[in-house]
N, C-alpha and C. Protein backbone atom coordinates (compact mmCIF):
# COMPACT_ATOMS: atom_id res chain seq x y z
N MET A 1 -39.92 -5.79 -39.78
CA MET A 1 -40.40 -5.98 -41.12
C MET A 1 -41.57 -5.05 -41.43
N LEU A 2 -41.56 -3.90 -40.84
CA LEU A 2 -42.60 -2.93 -41.14
C LEU A 2 -42.28 -2.21 -42.44
N PRO A 3 -43.30 -1.87 -43.22
CA PRO A 3 -43.05 -1.21 -44.49
C PRO A 3 -42.43 0.17 -44.30
N ALA A 4 -41.60 0.56 -45.26
CA ALA A 4 -40.98 1.87 -45.27
C ALA A 4 -41.51 2.63 -46.49
N PHE A 5 -40.74 3.56 -47.00
CA PHE A 5 -41.19 4.37 -48.13
C PHE A 5 -41.19 3.60 -49.44
N TYR A 6 -40.26 2.68 -49.60
CA TYR A 6 -40.14 1.91 -50.83
C TYR A 6 -39.34 0.65 -50.53
N ASN A 7 -39.18 -0.21 -51.52
CA ASN A 7 -38.44 -1.47 -51.38
C ASN A 7 -39.03 -2.33 -50.25
N ASN A 8 -40.31 -2.56 -50.25
CA ASN A 8 -40.97 -3.30 -49.19
C ASN A 8 -41.19 -4.77 -49.49
N ASN A 9 -40.60 -5.27 -50.56
CA ASN A 9 -40.77 -6.68 -50.88
C ASN A 9 -40.02 -7.56 -49.88
N VAL A 10 -40.59 -8.73 -49.64
CA VAL A 10 -40.00 -9.72 -48.73
C VAL A 10 -40.01 -11.05 -49.47
N GLN A 11 -38.92 -11.79 -49.35
CA GLN A 11 -38.87 -13.13 -49.93
C GLN A 11 -38.64 -14.12 -48.79
N ILE A 12 -39.47 -15.17 -48.75
CA ILE A 12 -39.35 -16.19 -47.72
C ILE A 12 -39.06 -17.52 -48.41
N VAL A 13 -37.99 -18.18 -47.97
CA VAL A 13 -37.59 -19.46 -48.53
C VAL A 13 -37.48 -20.44 -47.38
N GLN A 14 -38.03 -21.63 -47.57
CA GLN A 14 -38.01 -22.63 -46.51
C GLN A 14 -37.35 -23.92 -46.98
N THR A 15 -36.52 -24.49 -46.11
CA THR A 15 -35.99 -25.84 -46.29
C THR A 15 -36.49 -26.64 -45.09
N PRO A 16 -36.22 -27.92 -45.01
CA PRO A 16 -36.67 -28.67 -43.84
C PRO A 16 -36.10 -28.16 -42.52
N ASP A 17 -34.91 -27.56 -42.55
CA ASP A 17 -34.24 -27.16 -41.31
C ASP A 17 -34.20 -25.65 -41.04
N TYR A 18 -34.49 -24.83 -42.05
CA TYR A 18 -34.36 -23.38 -41.90
C TYR A 18 -35.44 -22.64 -42.67
N VAL A 19 -35.67 -21.41 -42.25
CA VAL A 19 -36.46 -20.46 -43.02
C VAL A 19 -35.56 -19.24 -43.20
N MET A 20 -35.53 -18.71 -44.43
CA MET A 20 -34.77 -17.50 -44.70
C MET A 20 -35.77 -16.43 -45.07
N ILE A 21 -35.66 -15.28 -44.40
CA ILE A 21 -36.52 -14.14 -44.70
C ILE A 21 -35.60 -13.01 -45.14
N GLU A 22 -35.77 -12.59 -46.39
CA GLU A 22 -34.96 -11.51 -46.93
C GLU A 22 -35.85 -10.32 -47.23
N THR A 23 -35.43 -9.15 -46.78
CA THR A 23 -36.15 -7.93 -47.10
C THR A 23 -35.41 -7.21 -48.22
N GLU A 24 -36.17 -6.60 -49.11
CA GLU A 24 -35.56 -5.91 -50.24
C GLU A 24 -34.78 -4.68 -49.78
N MET A 25 -35.30 -3.96 -48.80
CA MET A 25 -34.61 -2.77 -48.30
C MET A 25 -33.35 -3.19 -47.55
N ILE A 26 -32.22 -2.77 -48.02
CA ILE A 26 -30.89 -3.06 -47.46
C ILE A 26 -30.52 -4.54 -47.62
N HIS A 27 -31.37 -5.36 -48.12
CA HIS A 27 -31.11 -6.79 -48.34
C HIS A 27 -30.72 -7.53 -47.07
N ASP A 28 -31.44 -7.25 -46.00
CA ASP A 28 -31.22 -8.02 -44.77
C ASP A 28 -31.77 -9.42 -44.97
N ALA A 29 -30.98 -10.41 -44.62
CA ALA A 29 -31.43 -11.80 -44.71
C ALA A 29 -31.31 -12.43 -43.33
N ARG A 30 -32.40 -12.97 -42.86
CA ARG A 30 -32.39 -13.68 -41.58
C ARG A 30 -32.52 -15.17 -41.87
N VAL A 31 -31.59 -15.94 -41.37
CA VAL A 31 -31.64 -17.40 -41.51
C VAL A 31 -32.06 -17.93 -40.14
N ILE A 32 -33.23 -18.54 -40.10
CA ILE A 32 -33.85 -18.94 -38.84
C ILE A 32 -33.90 -20.45 -38.75
N PRO A 33 -33.21 -21.03 -37.76
CA PRO A 33 -33.24 -22.49 -37.62
C PRO A 33 -34.59 -22.97 -37.11
N LEU A 34 -34.98 -24.15 -37.58
CA LEU A 34 -36.24 -24.78 -37.16
C LEU A 34 -35.97 -26.08 -36.41
N ASN A 35 -34.74 -26.27 -35.97
CA ASN A 35 -34.34 -27.56 -35.41
C ASN A 35 -34.53 -27.68 -33.89
N GLY A 36 -35.15 -26.69 -33.27
CA GLY A 36 -35.43 -26.78 -31.84
C GLY A 36 -34.26 -26.43 -30.94
N ARG A 37 -33.19 -25.90 -31.51
CA ARG A 37 -32.05 -25.55 -30.66
C ARG A 37 -32.44 -24.41 -29.73
N PRO A 38 -31.79 -24.31 -28.57
CA PRO A 38 -32.08 -23.20 -27.66
C PRO A 38 -31.44 -21.90 -28.16
N HIS A 39 -31.84 -20.79 -27.56
CA HIS A 39 -31.20 -19.51 -27.89
C HIS A 39 -29.74 -19.55 -27.48
N LEU A 40 -28.94 -18.71 -28.09
CA LEU A 40 -27.55 -18.56 -27.70
C LEU A 40 -27.47 -18.11 -26.25
N PRO A 41 -26.34 -18.32 -25.59
CA PRO A 41 -26.19 -17.82 -24.22
C PRO A 41 -26.43 -16.30 -24.18
N ALA A 42 -26.97 -15.81 -23.08
CA ALA A 42 -27.34 -14.40 -22.96
C ALA A 42 -26.17 -13.45 -23.18
N ALA A 43 -24.95 -13.90 -22.96
CA ALA A 43 -23.77 -13.05 -23.13
C ALA A 43 -23.43 -12.83 -24.61
N ILE A 44 -23.98 -13.64 -25.51
CA ILE A 44 -23.72 -13.49 -26.94
C ILE A 44 -24.84 -12.66 -27.55
N ARG A 45 -24.49 -11.44 -27.97
CA ARG A 45 -25.46 -10.49 -28.49
C ARG A 45 -25.21 -10.26 -29.97
N GLN A 46 -26.29 -10.03 -30.73
CA GLN A 46 -26.18 -9.83 -32.17
C GLN A 46 -27.04 -8.65 -32.59
N TRP A 47 -26.63 -7.97 -33.66
CA TRP A 47 -27.37 -6.80 -34.14
C TRP A 47 -28.84 -7.13 -34.39
N LYS A 48 -29.10 -8.23 -35.05
CA LYS A 48 -30.47 -8.62 -35.38
C LYS A 48 -31.03 -9.63 -34.39
N GLY A 49 -30.33 -9.86 -33.29
CA GLY A 49 -30.79 -10.81 -32.29
C GLY A 49 -30.57 -12.24 -32.73
N ASP A 50 -31.01 -13.15 -31.89
CA ASP A 50 -30.90 -14.59 -32.15
C ASP A 50 -32.31 -15.13 -32.37
N SER A 51 -32.62 -15.51 -33.60
CA SER A 51 -33.97 -15.98 -33.96
C SER A 51 -34.03 -17.49 -33.98
N ILE A 52 -35.08 -18.02 -33.38
CA ILE A 52 -35.38 -19.46 -33.36
C ILE A 52 -36.81 -19.62 -33.88
N GLY A 53 -37.02 -20.55 -34.81
CA GLY A 53 -38.35 -20.75 -35.36
C GLY A 53 -38.94 -22.09 -34.96
N ARG A 54 -40.26 -22.13 -34.96
CA ARG A 54 -40.99 -23.37 -34.71
C ARG A 54 -42.36 -23.24 -35.37
N TRP A 55 -42.96 -24.38 -35.63
CA TRP A 55 -44.29 -24.39 -36.22
C TRP A 55 -45.32 -24.66 -35.15
N GLU A 56 -46.38 -23.87 -35.15
CA GLU A 56 -47.58 -24.12 -34.35
C GLU A 56 -48.71 -24.28 -35.35
N GLY A 57 -48.97 -25.53 -35.71
CA GLY A 57 -49.94 -25.78 -36.77
C GLY A 57 -49.43 -25.20 -38.07
N ALA A 58 -50.22 -24.32 -38.68
CA ALA A 58 -49.84 -23.71 -39.95
C ALA A 58 -49.17 -22.35 -39.76
N THR A 59 -48.82 -22.02 -38.52
CA THR A 59 -48.21 -20.72 -38.23
C THR A 59 -46.74 -20.89 -37.88
N LEU A 60 -45.88 -20.14 -38.57
CA LEU A 60 -44.46 -20.10 -38.22
C LEU A 60 -44.30 -19.08 -37.11
N VAL A 61 -43.75 -19.50 -35.98
CA VAL A 61 -43.49 -18.61 -34.85
C VAL A 61 -41.98 -18.41 -34.75
N VAL A 62 -41.55 -17.17 -34.77
CA VAL A 62 -40.13 -16.83 -34.67
C VAL A 62 -39.91 -16.04 -33.39
N ASP A 63 -39.07 -16.59 -32.52
CA ASP A 63 -38.77 -16.00 -31.23
C ASP A 63 -37.35 -15.43 -31.29
N THR A 64 -37.20 -14.12 -31.04
CA THR A 64 -35.90 -13.48 -31.18
C THR A 64 -35.51 -12.75 -29.89
N THR A 65 -34.31 -13.08 -29.40
CA THR A 65 -33.76 -12.46 -28.20
C THR A 65 -32.30 -12.10 -28.48
N ASN A 66 -31.56 -11.70 -27.46
CA ASN A 66 -30.11 -11.48 -27.53
C ASN A 66 -29.70 -10.33 -28.47
N PHE A 67 -30.48 -9.26 -28.47
CA PHE A 67 -30.10 -8.07 -29.23
C PHE A 67 -28.96 -7.36 -28.50
N THR A 68 -28.18 -6.58 -29.24
CA THR A 68 -27.10 -5.82 -28.60
C THR A 68 -27.68 -4.58 -27.93
N ASP A 69 -26.87 -3.94 -27.11
CA ASP A 69 -27.31 -2.69 -26.49
C ASP A 69 -27.26 -1.53 -27.48
N GLN A 70 -26.75 -1.78 -28.68
CA GLN A 70 -26.73 -0.77 -29.72
C GLN A 70 -27.86 -0.94 -30.73
N THR A 71 -28.64 -2.01 -30.57
CA THR A 71 -29.79 -2.22 -31.42
C THR A 71 -30.97 -1.49 -30.80
N SER A 72 -31.44 -0.47 -31.46
CA SER A 72 -32.57 0.29 -30.93
C SER A 72 -33.69 0.25 -31.94
N TRP A 73 -34.79 -0.34 -31.55
CA TRP A 73 -35.95 -0.38 -32.42
C TRP A 73 -37.10 0.32 -31.69
N ARG A 74 -37.49 1.47 -32.19
CA ARG A 74 -38.56 2.26 -31.58
C ARG A 74 -38.29 2.54 -30.10
N GLY A 75 -37.01 2.73 -29.75
CA GLY A 75 -36.65 3.05 -28.38
C GLY A 75 -36.30 1.86 -27.50
N SER A 76 -36.22 0.69 -28.09
CA SER A 76 -35.93 -0.51 -27.29
C SER A 76 -34.46 -0.57 -26.92
N GLY A 77 -34.13 -1.51 -26.04
CA GLY A 77 -32.75 -1.72 -25.62
C GLY A 77 -32.37 -3.18 -25.76
N SER A 78 -31.35 -3.58 -25.06
CA SER A 78 -30.81 -4.93 -25.19
C SER A 78 -31.72 -6.02 -24.62
N MET A 79 -32.74 -5.63 -23.87
CA MET A 79 -33.68 -6.62 -23.32
C MET A 79 -34.84 -6.89 -24.28
N LEU A 80 -34.77 -6.35 -25.47
CA LEU A 80 -35.81 -6.54 -26.48
C LEU A 80 -36.05 -8.03 -26.74
N HIS A 81 -37.31 -8.42 -26.76
CA HIS A 81 -37.73 -9.78 -27.07
C HIS A 81 -38.88 -9.65 -28.06
N VAL A 82 -38.72 -10.25 -29.23
CA VAL A 82 -39.71 -10.16 -30.30
C VAL A 82 -40.23 -11.55 -30.63
N VAL A 83 -41.55 -11.68 -30.69
CA VAL A 83 -42.17 -12.92 -31.15
C VAL A 83 -43.00 -12.58 -32.38
N GLU A 84 -42.66 -13.21 -33.51
CA GLU A 84 -43.35 -12.98 -34.77
C GLU A 84 -44.15 -14.21 -35.15
N ARG A 85 -45.29 -13.98 -35.78
CA ARG A 85 -46.14 -15.08 -36.22
C ARG A 85 -46.50 -14.84 -37.68
N PHE A 86 -46.20 -15.83 -38.52
CA PHE A 86 -46.48 -15.77 -39.95
C PHE A 86 -47.51 -16.84 -40.27
N THR A 87 -48.67 -16.44 -40.76
CA THR A 87 -49.73 -17.39 -41.10
C THR A 87 -50.21 -17.12 -42.51
N LEU A 88 -50.16 -18.13 -43.35
CA LEU A 88 -50.64 -18.01 -44.72
C LEU A 88 -52.17 -18.12 -44.68
N SER A 89 -52.85 -17.01 -44.95
CA SER A 89 -54.32 -16.99 -44.91
C SER A 89 -54.92 -17.66 -46.13
N ASP A 90 -54.31 -17.42 -47.28
CA ASP A 90 -54.69 -18.08 -48.52
C ASP A 90 -53.45 -18.05 -49.42
N ALA A 91 -53.59 -18.49 -50.65
CA ALA A 91 -52.42 -18.61 -51.54
C ALA A 91 -51.71 -17.28 -51.79
N ASN A 92 -52.40 -16.16 -51.56
CA ASN A 92 -51.81 -14.86 -51.87
C ASN A 92 -51.70 -13.91 -50.68
N THR A 93 -52.03 -14.38 -49.48
CA THR A 93 -52.10 -13.49 -48.33
C THR A 93 -51.37 -14.08 -47.14
N LEU A 94 -50.46 -13.29 -46.56
CA LEU A 94 -49.71 -13.71 -45.39
C LEU A 94 -50.03 -12.74 -44.25
N SER A 95 -50.47 -13.27 -43.13
CA SER A 95 -50.71 -12.46 -41.94
C SER A 95 -49.41 -12.42 -41.13
N TYR A 96 -48.96 -11.22 -40.81
CA TYR A 96 -47.73 -11.02 -40.04
C TYR A 96 -48.10 -10.33 -38.73
N GLN A 97 -47.88 -11.01 -37.63
CA GLN A 97 -48.15 -10.46 -36.30
C GLN A 97 -46.84 -10.45 -35.53
N PHE A 98 -46.67 -9.45 -34.69
CA PHE A 98 -45.48 -9.46 -33.83
C PHE A 98 -45.82 -8.85 -32.48
N THR A 99 -45.11 -9.32 -31.48
CA THR A 99 -45.23 -8.79 -30.12
C THR A 99 -43.86 -8.34 -29.67
N ILE A 100 -43.81 -7.12 -29.15
CA ILE A 100 -42.58 -6.52 -28.65
C ILE A 100 -42.64 -6.51 -27.13
N ASP A 101 -41.59 -7.03 -26.52
CA ASP A 101 -41.50 -7.03 -25.06
C ASP A 101 -40.11 -6.57 -24.67
N ASP A 102 -40.03 -5.47 -23.96
CA ASP A 102 -38.77 -4.96 -23.43
C ASP A 102 -39.09 -4.18 -22.16
N PRO A 103 -39.02 -4.86 -21.02
CA PRO A 103 -39.44 -4.23 -19.76
C PRO A 103 -38.62 -3.00 -19.38
N THR A 104 -37.42 -2.85 -19.94
CA THR A 104 -36.63 -1.65 -19.63
C THR A 104 -37.01 -0.46 -20.49
N SER A 105 -37.78 -0.70 -21.56
CA SER A 105 -38.14 0.37 -22.48
C SER A 105 -39.63 0.66 -22.56
N PHE A 106 -40.46 -0.35 -22.31
CA PHE A 106 -41.90 -0.18 -22.46
C PHE A 106 -42.61 -0.62 -21.19
N VAL A 107 -43.73 0.00 -20.91
CA VAL A 107 -44.50 -0.30 -19.69
C VAL A 107 -45.03 -1.73 -19.73
N ARG A 108 -45.43 -2.18 -20.91
CA ARG A 108 -45.96 -3.55 -21.07
C ARG A 108 -45.70 -4.00 -22.51
N PRO A 109 -45.76 -5.29 -22.75
CA PRO A 109 -45.62 -5.77 -24.14
C PRO A 109 -46.72 -5.18 -25.02
N TRP A 110 -46.41 -5.03 -26.29
CA TRP A 110 -47.41 -4.54 -27.24
C TRP A 110 -47.28 -5.32 -28.55
N SER A 111 -48.36 -5.35 -29.28
CA SER A 111 -48.43 -6.16 -30.51
C SER A 111 -48.98 -5.35 -31.66
N ALA A 112 -48.70 -5.82 -32.85
CA ALA A 112 -49.24 -5.23 -34.07
C ALA A 112 -49.41 -6.34 -35.10
N GLU A 113 -50.18 -6.04 -36.11
CA GLU A 113 -50.44 -7.03 -37.16
C GLU A 113 -50.60 -6.30 -38.49
N MET A 114 -50.13 -6.93 -39.54
CA MET A 114 -50.35 -6.41 -40.89
C MET A 114 -50.50 -7.58 -41.85
N VAL A 115 -51.05 -7.29 -42.98
CA VAL A 115 -51.28 -8.31 -44.00
C VAL A 115 -50.34 -8.03 -45.17
N MET A 116 -49.70 -9.07 -45.66
CA MET A 116 -48.82 -8.96 -46.82
C MET A 116 -49.48 -9.69 -47.99
N SER A 117 -49.42 -9.08 -49.16
CA SER A 117 -49.98 -9.68 -50.36
C SER A 117 -48.86 -10.18 -51.27
N LYS A 118 -49.07 -11.34 -51.83
CA LYS A 118 -48.08 -11.92 -52.75
C LYS A 118 -48.02 -11.08 -54.01
N THR A 119 -46.79 -10.87 -54.50
CA THR A 119 -46.60 -10.16 -55.75
C THR A 119 -45.79 -11.04 -56.69
N GLU A 120 -45.90 -10.76 -57.95
CA GLU A 120 -45.13 -11.48 -58.95
C GLU A 120 -43.85 -10.73 -59.29
N GLY A 121 -43.69 -9.55 -58.73
CA GLY A 121 -42.52 -8.74 -59.04
C GLY A 121 -41.25 -9.32 -58.44
N ARG A 122 -40.13 -8.92 -59.03
CA ARG A 122 -38.84 -9.37 -58.54
C ARG A 122 -38.32 -8.40 -57.50
N MET A 123 -37.39 -8.90 -56.68
CA MET A 123 -36.69 -8.02 -55.75
C MET A 123 -35.48 -7.45 -56.48
N PHE A 124 -35.16 -6.21 -56.17
CA PHE A 124 -34.03 -5.55 -56.82
C PHE A 124 -32.97 -5.18 -55.81
N GLU A 125 -31.78 -4.98 -56.31
CA GLU A 125 -30.68 -4.55 -55.46
C GLU A 125 -31.00 -3.20 -54.84
N TYR A 126 -30.73 -3.09 -53.57
CA TYR A 126 -30.89 -1.80 -52.90
C TYR A 126 -29.61 -1.02 -53.11
N ALA A 127 -29.69 0.11 -53.76
CA ALA A 127 -28.50 0.93 -54.00
C ALA A 127 -28.93 2.38 -54.14
N CYS A 128 -28.20 3.25 -53.54
CA CYS A 128 -28.47 4.68 -53.63
C CYS A 128 -27.54 5.31 -54.67
N HIS A 129 -28.06 6.26 -55.40
CA HIS A 129 -27.20 7.00 -56.32
C HIS A 129 -27.54 8.49 -56.29
N GLU A 130 -28.29 8.93 -55.30
CA GLU A 130 -28.60 10.35 -55.19
C GLU A 130 -27.29 11.13 -55.06
N ALA A 131 -27.23 12.22 -55.76
CA ALA A 131 -26.08 13.12 -55.75
C ALA A 131 -24.80 12.46 -56.27
N ASN A 132 -24.97 11.37 -57.01
CA ASN A 132 -23.81 10.71 -57.60
C ASN A 132 -23.55 11.40 -58.94
N TYR A 133 -22.76 12.46 -58.88
CA TYR A 133 -22.53 13.27 -60.07
C TYR A 133 -21.73 12.54 -61.13
N SER A 134 -21.05 11.48 -60.76
CA SER A 134 -20.28 10.75 -61.76
C SER A 134 -21.19 9.90 -62.65
N MET A 135 -22.44 9.68 -62.22
CA MET A 135 -23.36 8.85 -62.99
C MET A 135 -23.54 9.40 -64.41
N THR A 136 -23.63 10.71 -64.54
CA THR A 136 -23.79 11.32 -65.86
C THR A 136 -22.62 10.97 -66.76
N ASN A 137 -21.42 11.06 -66.22
CA ASN A 137 -20.24 10.74 -67.03
C ASN A 137 -20.13 9.25 -67.34
N VAL A 138 -20.52 8.41 -66.39
CA VAL A 138 -20.52 6.96 -66.63
C VAL A 138 -21.46 6.63 -67.79
N LEU A 139 -22.66 7.18 -67.75
CA LEU A 139 -23.63 6.92 -68.81
C LEU A 139 -23.17 7.52 -70.14
N ARG A 140 -22.59 8.71 -70.11
CA ARG A 140 -22.09 9.34 -71.34
C ARG A 140 -20.99 8.47 -71.95
N GLY A 141 -20.09 7.96 -71.11
CA GLY A 141 -19.03 7.09 -71.59
C GLY A 141 -19.58 5.81 -72.21
N ALA A 142 -20.63 5.28 -71.61
CA ALA A 142 -21.25 4.07 -72.15
C ALA A 142 -21.86 4.34 -73.53
N ARG A 143 -22.48 5.51 -73.70
CA ARG A 143 -23.07 5.84 -75.01
C ARG A 143 -21.98 5.98 -76.07
N PHE A 144 -20.83 6.59 -75.73
CA PHE A 144 -19.70 6.68 -76.67
C PHE A 144 -19.21 5.28 -77.03
N ALA A 145 -19.09 4.42 -76.05
CA ALA A 145 -18.61 3.05 -76.30
C ALA A 145 -19.58 2.30 -77.23
N GLU A 146 -20.90 2.54 -77.04
CA GLU A 146 -21.88 1.88 -77.89
C GLU A 146 -21.75 2.34 -79.34
N LYS A 147 -21.42 3.61 -79.56
CA LYS A 147 -21.29 4.15 -80.92
C LYS A 147 -20.12 3.53 -81.66
N ASP A 148 -19.07 3.15 -80.90
CA ASP A 148 -17.86 2.56 -81.51
C ASP A 148 -18.05 1.13 -81.93
N ARG A 149 -19.11 0.50 -81.58
CA ARG A 149 -19.31 -0.92 -81.94
C ARG A 149 -19.78 -1.10 -83.33
């Protein structure tokens, strides 16, 4: 959930049993159970890993394991283990901390932290249209259709 060049909005929705974290970029949505279930068996691997959430006081802790060997994040491999901590500092500020542990890729675990600010803006569909030469004709056709009304 590190910021990129654009589309950095995040939406977090909570129910009694789950937390959903959606990122605006590519519209990845993670549905994280809060019911205390164990991680999936080690043989079951997923692109985004297997996330389990729990509350430690006012902090949501998300523990993610079981990444595939094709999931590479900053050089990591299938032994990647991520622990994220989300703490609401005030009504408009969320502290996001994460620890990366992958003994096959890194000498030791490492951590980072960033602060997210609440925005009133909406999330938009992620879609590329660079070099879409048909866009000009689509828009031209729409203008002709509008004139006929």
